Amino acid sequence: MKQVILESTLTCPHCGYQKTEIMPTDACQWFYECENCKKLLRPMKGDCCVFCSYGTVKCPPIQIGDRNCCDH
């Protein structure tokens, strides 16, 4: 079984601020407030969560191949 990476560095598309976060394993994170500029990040169209859109590592469900993890 593939090892799941739980840390991902998010980069704010508005100000470029970066922060490493631990990703949840039981749910997708649809919102994230940038610590620097306070903008609320949402997933880009076609992505299931903010980690898939702005992170260095995709979310745990996507890593294990669950493409239906976050149907919303």
PDB file of N, CA and C in Angstrom:
ATOM      1  N   MET A   1       0.844  -1.191   0.000  1.00  0.00           N
ATOM      2  CA  MET A   1       0.000   0.000   0.000  1.00  0.00           C
ATOM      3  C   MET A   1       0.882   1.244   0.000  1.00  0.00           C
ATOM      4  N   LYS A   2       0.476   2.232  -0.745  1.00  0.00           N
ATOM      5  CA  LYS A   2       1.219   3.473  -0.866  1.00  0.00           C
ATOM      6  C   LYS A   2       1.154   4.273   0.438  1.00  0.00           C
ATOM      7  N   GLN A   3       2.295   4.827   0.846  1.00  0.00           N
ATOM      8  CA  GLN A   3       2.327   5.652   2.047  1.00  0.00           C
ATOM      9  C   GLN A   3       1.732   7.021   1.731  1.00  0.00           C
ATOM     10  N   VAL A   4       0.830   7.463   2.593  1.00  0.00           N
ATOM     11  CA  VAL A   4       0.161   8.741   2.407  1.00  0.00           C
ATOM     12  C   VAL A   4       0.956   9.836   3.116  1.00  0.00           C
ATOM     13  N   ILE A   5       1.197  10.927   2.400  1.00  0.00           N
ATOM     14  CA  ILE A   5       1.887  12.090   2.962  1.00  0.00           C
ATOM     15  C   ILE A   5       0.832  13.006   3.560  1.00  0.00           C
ATOM     16  N   LEU A   6       1.032  13.425   4.793  1.00  0.00           N
ATOM     17  CA  LEU A   6       0.038  14.238   5.479  1.00  0.00           C
ATOM     18  C   LEU A   6       0.380  15.722   5.547  1.00  0.00           C
ATOM     19  N   GLU A   7       1.612  16.092   5.240  1.00  0.00           N
ATOM     20  CA  GLU A   7       2.007  17.500   5.254  1.00  0.00           C
ATOM     21  C   GLU A   7       2.002  18.070   3.847  1.00  0.00           C
ATOM     22  N   SER A   8       1.471  19.280   3.730  1.00  0.00           N
ATOM     23  CA  SER A   8       1.452  19.971   2.453  1.00  0.00           C
ATOM     24  C   SER A   8       1.661  21.457   2.724  1.00  0.00           C
ATOM     25  N   THR A   9       2.432  22.100   1.874  1.00  0.00           N
ATOM     26  CA  THR A   9       2.655  23.534   2.018  1.00  0.00           C
ATOM     27  C   THR A   9       1.705  24.266   1.086  1.00  0.00           C
ATOM     28  N   LEU A  10       0.813  25.052   1.681  1.00  0.00           N
ATOM     29  CA  LEU A  10      -0.138  25.843   0.919  1.00  0.00           C
ATOM     30  C   LEU A  10       0.491  27.173   0.539  1.00  0.00           C
ATOM     31  N   THR A  11       0.254  27.614  -0.689  1.00  0.00           N
ATOM     32  CA  THR A  11       0.721  28.919  -1.153  1.00  0.00           C
ATOM     33  C   THR A  11      -0.491  29.749  -1.527  1.00  0.00           C
ATOM     34  N   CYS A  12      -0.636  30.890  -0.893  1.00  0.00           N
ATOM     35  CA  CYS A  12      -1.757  31.777  -1.173  1.00  0.00           C
ATOM     36  C   CYS A  12      -1.579  32.386  -2.567  1.00  0.00           C
ATOM     37  N   PRO A  13      -2.603  32.255  -3.435  1.00  0.00           N
ATOM     38  CA  PRO A  13      -2.500  32.822  -4.781  1.00  0.00           C
ATOM     39  C   PRO A  13      -2.617  34.352  -4.792  1.00  0.00           C
ATOM     40  N   HIS A  14      -3.043  34.927  -3.683  1.00  0.00           N
ATOM     41  CA  HIS A  14      -3.231  36.377  -3.606  1.00  0.00           C
ATOM     42  C   HIS A  14      -1.958  37.101  -3.181  1.00  0.00           C
ATOM     43  N   CYS A  15      -1.250  36.546  -2.170  1.00  0.00           N
ATOM     44  CA  CYS A  15      -0.084  37.261  -1.634  1.00  0.00           C
ATOM     45  C   CYS A  15       1.206  36.444  -1.658  1.00  0.00           C
ATOM     46  N   GLY A  16       1.110  35.149  -1.999  1.00  0.00           N
ATOM     47  CA  GLY A  16       2.302  34.309  -2.080  1.00  0.00           C
ATOM     48  C   GLY A  16       2.771  33.725  -0.758  1.00  0.00           C
ATOM     49  N   TYR A  17       2.067  34.021   0.332  1.00  0.00           N
ATOM     50  CA  TYR A  17       2.444  33.492   1.653  1.00  0.00           C
ATOM     51  C   TYR A  17       2.346  31.969   1.646  1.00  0.00           C
ATOM     52  N   GLN A  18       3.299  31.317   2.286  1.00  0.00           N
ATOM     53  CA  GLN A  18       3.320  29.862   2.348  1.00  0.00           C
ATOM     54  C   GLN A  18       3.280  29.392   3.796  1.00  0.00           C
ATOM     55  N   LYS A  19       2.526  28.317   4.020  1.00  0.00           N
ATOM     56  CA  LYS A  19       2.475  27.714   5.337  1.00  0.00           C
ATOM     57  C   LYS A  19       2.270  26.215   5.187  1.00  0.00           C
ATOM     58  N   THR A  20       3.049  25.447   5.949  1.00  0.00           N
ATOM     59  CA  THR A  20       2.914  23.999   5.939  1.00  0.00           C
ATOM     60  C   THR A  20       1.847  23.598   6.946  1.00  0.00           C
ATOM     61  N   GLU A  21       0.926  22.767   6.498  1.00  0.00           N
ATOM     62  CA  GLU A  21      -0.199  22.319   7.324  1.00  0.00           C
ATOM     63  C   GLU A  21      -0.286  20.796   7.281  1.00  0.00           C
ATOM     64  N   ILE A  22      -0.925  20.245   8.294  1.00  0.00           N
ATOM     65  CA  ILE A  22      -1.239  18.816   8.327  1.00  0.00           C
ATOM     66  C   ILE A  22      -2.633  18.662   7.723  1.00  0.00           C
ATOM     67  N   MET A  23      -2.758  17.783   6.740  1.00  0.00           N
ATOM     68  CA  MET A  23      -4.040  17.588   6.062  1.00  0.00           C
ATOM     69  C   MET A  23      -4.925  16.631   6.849  1.00  0.00           C
ATOM     70  N   PRO A  24      -6.233  16.885   6.859  1.00  0.00           N
ATOM     71  CA  PRO A  24      -7.143  15.931   7.489  1.00  0.00           C
ATOM     72  C   PRO A  24      -7.204  14.658   6.653  1.00  0.00           C
ATOM     73  N   THR A  25      -7.383  13.529   7.304  1.00  0.00           N
ATOM     74  CA  THR A  25      -7.446  12.260   6.581  1.00  0.00           C
ATOM     75  C   THR A  25      -8.874  11.786   6.374  1.00  0.00           C
ATOM     76  N   ASP A  26      -9.820  12.395   7.075  1.00  0.00           N
ATOM     77  CA  ASP A  26     -11.205  11.917   7.019  1.00  0.00           C
ATOM     78  C   ASP A  26     -12.161  12.859   6.293  1.00  0.00           C
ATOM     79  N   ALA A  27     -11.647  13.967   5.780  1.00  0.00           N
ATOM     80  CA  ALA A  27     -12.501  14.922   5.076  1.00  0.00           C
ATOM     81  C   ALA A  27     -11.641  15.838   4.226  1.00  0.00           C
ATOM     82  N   CYS A  28     -12.270  16.429   3.221  1.00  0.00           N
ATOM     83  CA  CYS A  28     -11.571  17.414   2.412  1.00  0.00           C
ATOM     84  C   CYS A  28     -11.764  18.794   3.019  1.00  0.00           C
ATOM     85  N   GLN A  29     -10.781  19.631   2.868  1.00  0.00           N
ATOM     86  CA  GLN A  29     -10.853  20.988   3.404  1.00  0.00           C
ATOM     87  C   GLN A  29     -11.212  21.933   2.268  1.00  0.00           C
ATOM     88  N   TRP A  30     -12.427  22.444   2.308  1.00  0.00           N
ATOM     89  CA  TRP A  30     -12.929  23.281   1.228  1.00  0.00           C
ATOM     90  C   TRP A  30     -12.568  24.741   1.390  1.00  0.00           C
ATOM     91  N   PHE A  31     -12.224  25.170   2.613  1.00  0.00           N
ATOM     92  CA  PHE A  31     -11.900  26.568   2.867  1.00  0.00           C
ATOM     93  C   PHE A  31     -10.620  26.664   3.675  1.00  0.00           C
ATOM     94  N   TYR A  32      -9.864  27.727   3.431  1.00  0.00           N
ATOM     95  CA  TYR A  32      -8.646  27.982   4.194  1.00  0.00           C
ATOM     96  C   TYR A  32      -8.400  29.483   4.182  1.00  0.00           C
ATOM     97  N   GLU A  33      -8.234  30.074   5.352  1.00  0.00           N
ATOM     98  CA  GLU A  33      -7.960  31.505   5.438  1.00  0.00           C
ATOM     99  C   GLU A  33      -6.455  31.725   5.492  1.00  0.00           C
ATOM    100  N   CYS A  34      -5.944  32.524   4.557  1.00  0.00           N
ATOM    101  CA  CYS A  34      -4.525  32.850   4.540  1.00  0.00           C
ATOM    102  C   CYS A  34      -4.181  33.623   5.812  1.00  0.00           C
ATOM    103  N   GLU A  35      -3.168  33.154   6.488  1.00  0.00           N
ATOM    104  CA  GLU A  35      -2.723  33.774   7.736  1.00  0.00           C
ATOM    105  C   GLU A  35      -2.181  35.186   7.505  1.00  0.00           C
ATOM    106  N   ASN A  36      -1.670  35.446   6.318  1.00  0.00           N
ATOM    107  CA  ASN A  36      -1.047  36.731   6.012  1.00  0.00           C
ATOM    108  C   ASN A  36      -2.057  37.782   5.530  1.00  0.00           C
ATOM    109  N   CYS A  37      -2.762  37.504   4.449  1.00  0.00           N
ATOM    110  CA  CYS A  37      -3.654  38.506   3.859  1.00  0.00           C
ATOM    111  C   CYS A  37      -5.118  38.325   4.247  1.00  0.00           C
ATOM    112  N   LYS A  38      -5.418  37.224   4.939  1.00  0.00           N
ATOM    113  CA  LYS A  38      -6.776  36.936   5.440  1.00  0.00           C
ATOM    114  C   LYS A  38      -7.796  36.620   4.345  1.00  0.00           C
ATOM    115  N   LYS A  39      -7.345  36.397   3.114  1.00  0.00           N
ATOM    116  CA  LYS A  39      -8.264  35.999   2.043  1.00  0.00           C
ATOM    117  C   LYS A  39      -8.703  34.551   2.282  1.00  0.00           C
ATOM    118  N   LEU A  40      -9.956  34.262   1.960  1.00  0.00           N
ATOM    119  CA  LEU A  40     -10.489  32.919   2.099  1.00  0.00           C
ATOM    120  C   LEU A  40     -10.246  32.158   0.801  1.00  0.00           C
ATOM    121  N   LEU A  41      -9.469  31.084   0.879  1.00  0.00           N
ATOM    122  CA  LEU A  41      -9.170  30.268  -0.301  1.00  0.00           C
ATOM    123  C   LEU A  41     -10.218  29.172  -0.428  1.00  0.00           C
ATOM    124  N   ARG A  42     -10.618  28.923  -1.661  1.00  0.00           N
ATOM    125  CA  ARG A  42     -11.541  27.839  -1.991  1.00  0.00           C
ATOM    126  C   ARG A  42     -10.898  27.023  -3.095  1.00  0.00           C
ATOM    127  N   PRO A  43     -11.280  25.759  -3.241  1.00  0.00           N
ATOM    128  CA  PRO A  43     -10.691  24.948  -4.316  1.00  0.00           C
ATOM    129  C   PRO A  43     -10.969  25.538  -5.691  1.00  0.00           C
ATOM    130  N   MET A  44     -10.008  25.384  -6.584  1.00  0.00           N
ATOM    131  CA  MET A  44     -10.225  25.788  -7.977  1.00  0.00           C
ATOM    132  C   MET A  44     -11.163  24.772  -8.626  1.00  0.00           C
ATOM    133  N   LYS A  45     -11.823  25.182  -9.673  1.00  0.00           N
ATOM    134  CA  LYS A  45     -12.745  24.295 -10.380  1.00  0.00           C
ATOM    135  C   LYS A  45     -12.036  23.000 -10.775  1.00  0.00           C
ATOM    136  N   GLY A  46     -12.663  21.880 -10.461  1.00  0.00           N
ATOM    137  CA  GLY A  46     -12.104  20.577 -10.793  1.00  0.00           C
ATOM    138  C   GLY A  46     -11.296  19.947  -9.672  1.00  0.00           C
ATOM    139  N   ASP A  47     -10.946  20.727  -8.654  1.00  0.00           N
ATOM    140  CA  ASP A  47     -10.208  20.195  -7.508  1.00  0.00           C
ATOM    141  C   ASP A  47     -11.167  19.955  -6.351  1.00  0.00           C
ATOM    142  N   CYS A  48     -10.834  18.987  -5.507  1.00  0.00           N
ATOM    143  CA  CYS A  48     -11.736  18.634  -4.413  1.00  0.00           C
ATOM    144  C   CYS A  48     -11.501  19.450  -3.146  1.00  0.00           C
ATOM    145  N   CYS A  49     -10.318  20.049  -3.007  1.00  0.00           N
ATOM    146  CA  CYS A  49     -10.038  20.774  -1.761  1.00  0.00           C
ATOM    147  C   CYS A  49      -8.913  21.794  -1.970  1.00  0.00           C
ATOM    148  N   VAL A  50      -8.674  22.605  -0.948  1.00  0.00           N
ATOM    149  CA  VAL A  50      -7.641  23.639  -1.057  1.00  0.00           C
ATOM    150  C   VAL A  50      -6.248  23.030  -1.184  1.00  0.00           C
ATOM    151  N   PHE A  51      -6.022  21.853  -0.624  1.00  0.00           N
ATOM    152  CA  PHE A  51      -4.703  21.223  -0.744  1.00  0.00           C
ATOM    153  C   PHE A  51      -4.435  20.780  -2.185  1.00  0.00           C
ATOM    154  N   CYS A  52      -5.471  20.309  -2.870  1.00  0.00           N
ATOM    155  CA  CYS A  52      -5.299  19.906  -4.268  1.00  0.00           C
ATOM    156  C   CYS A  52      -5.076  21.122  -5.169  1.00  0.00           C
ATOM    157  N   SER A  53      -5.605  22.270  -4.780  1.00  0.00           N
ATOM    158  CA  SER A  53      -5.451  23.478  -5.589  1.00  0.00           C
ATOM    159  C   SER A  53      -4.185  24.262  -5.280  1.00  0.00           C
ATOM    160  N   TYR A  54      -3.836  24.391  -4.006  1.00  0.00           N
ATOM    161  CA  TYR A  54      -2.762  25.312  -3.615  1.00  0.00           C
ATOM    162  C   TYR A  54      -1.620  24.655  -2.844  1.00  0.00           C
ATOM    163  N   GLY A  55      -1.703  23.347  -2.625  1.00  0.00           N
ATOM    164  CA  GLY A  55      -0.688  22.663  -1.834  1.00  0.00           C
ATOM    165  C   GLY A  55       0.392  21.997  -2.656  1.00  0.00           C
ATOM    166  N   THR A  56       1.478  21.662  -1.989  1.00  0.00           N
ATOM    167  CA  THR A  56       2.577  20.948  -2.637  1.00  0.00           C
ATOM    168  C   THR A  56       2.284  19.459  -2.751  1.00  0.00           C
ATOM    169  N   VAL A  57       1.302  18.988  -1.975  1.00  0.00           N
ATOM    170  CA  VAL A  57       0.912  17.578  -1.984  1.00  0.00           C
ATOM    171  C   VAL A  57      -0.611  17.524  -2.046  1.00  0.00           C
ATOM    172  N   LYS A  58      -1.149  16.662  -2.898  1.00  0.00           N
ATOM    173  CA  LYS A  58      -2.599  16.472  -2.981  1.00  0.00           C
ATOM    174  C   LYS A  58      -3.124  15.856  -1.680  1.00  0.00           C
ATOM    175  N   CYS A  59      -4.429  15.984  -1.449  1.00  0.00           N
ATOM    176  CA  CYS A  59      -5.033  15.476  -0.213  1.00  0.00           C
ATOM    177  C   CYS A  59      -4.923  13.949  -0.121  1.00  0.00           C
ATOM    178  N   PRO A  60      -4.995  13.398   1.101  1.00  0.00           N
ATOM    179  CA  PRO A  60      -4.861  11.946   1.286  1.00  0.00           C
ATOM    180  C   PRO A  60      -5.801  11.094   0.435  1.00  0.00           C
ATOM    181  N   PRO A  61      -7.100  11.409   0.316  1.00  0.00           N
ATOM    182  CA  PRO A  61      -7.951  10.569  -0.541  1.00  0.00           C
ATOM    183  C   PRO A  61      -7.473  10.522  -1.992  1.00  0.00           C
ATOM    184  N   ILE A  62      -7.039  11.641  -2.531  1.00  0.00           N
ATOM    185  CA  ILE A  62      -6.539  11.661  -3.914  1.00  0.00           C
ATOM    186  C   ILE A  62      -5.244  10.867  -4.011  1.00  0.00           C
ATOM    187  N   GLN A  63      -4.383  10.959  -2.998  1.00  0.00           N
ATOM    188  CA  GLN A  63      -3.125  10.206  -3.000  1.00  0.00           C
ATOM    189  C   GLN A  63      -3.373   8.700  -3.110  1.00  0.00           C
ATOM    190  N   ILE A  64      -4.446   8.217  -2.473  1.00  0.00           N
ATOM    191  CA  ILE A  64      -4.710   6.770  -2.512  1.00  0.00           C
ATOM    192  C   ILE A  64      -5.592   6.374  -3.693  1.00  0.00           C
ATOM    193  N   GLY A  65      -5.970   7.365  -4.522  1.00  0.00           N
ATOM    194  CA  GLY A  65      -6.703   7.060  -5.743  1.00  0.00           C
ATOM    195  C   GLY A  65      -8.211   7.159  -5.645  1.00  0.00           C
ATOM    196  N   ASP A  66      -8.734   7.756  -4.593  1.00  0.00           N
ATOM    197  CA  ASP A  66     -10.177   7.909  -4.433  1.00  0.00           C
ATOM    198  C   ASP A  66     -10.616   9.202  -5.110  1.00  0.00           C
ATOM    199  N   ARG A  67     -10.920   9.121  -6.404  1.00  0.00           N
ATOM    200  CA  ARG A  67     -11.304  10.307  -7.164  1.00  0.00           C
ATOM    201  C   ARG A  67     -12.708  10.809  -6.811  1.00  0.00           C
ATOM    202  N   ASN A  68     -13.503  10.005  -6.123  1.00  0.00           N
ATOM    203  CA  ASN A  68     -14.855  10.396  -5.749  1.00  0.00           C
ATOM    204  C   ASN A  68     -14.915  10.841  -4.298  1.00  0.00           C
ATOM    205  N   CYS A  69     -13.771  11.137  -3.718  1.00  0.00           N
ATOM    206  CA  CYS A  69     -13.692  11.426  -2.290  1.00  0.00           C
ATOM    207  C   CYS A  69     -14.495  12.633  -1.871  1.00  0.00           C
ATOM    208  N   CYS A  70     -14.584  13.597  -2.713  1.00  0.00           N
ATOM    209  CA  CYS A  70     -15.161  14.878  -2.289  1.00  0.00           C
ATOM    210  C   CYS A  70     -16.211  15.377  -3.256  1.00  0.00           C
ATOM    211  N   ASP A  71     -17.084  14.517  -3.686  1.00  0.00           N
ATOM    212  CA  ASP A  71     -18.121  14.976  -4.599  1.00  0.00           C
ATOM    213  C   ASP A  71     -18.956  16.039  -3.915  1.00  0.00           C
ATOM    214  N   HIS A  72     -18.865  17.242  -4.450  1.00  0.00           N
ATOM    215  CA  HIS A  72     -19.652  18.353  -3.892  1.00  0.00           C
ATOM    216  C   HIS A  72     -20.071  19.307  -4.989  1.00  0.00           C
TER     217      HIS A  72
END
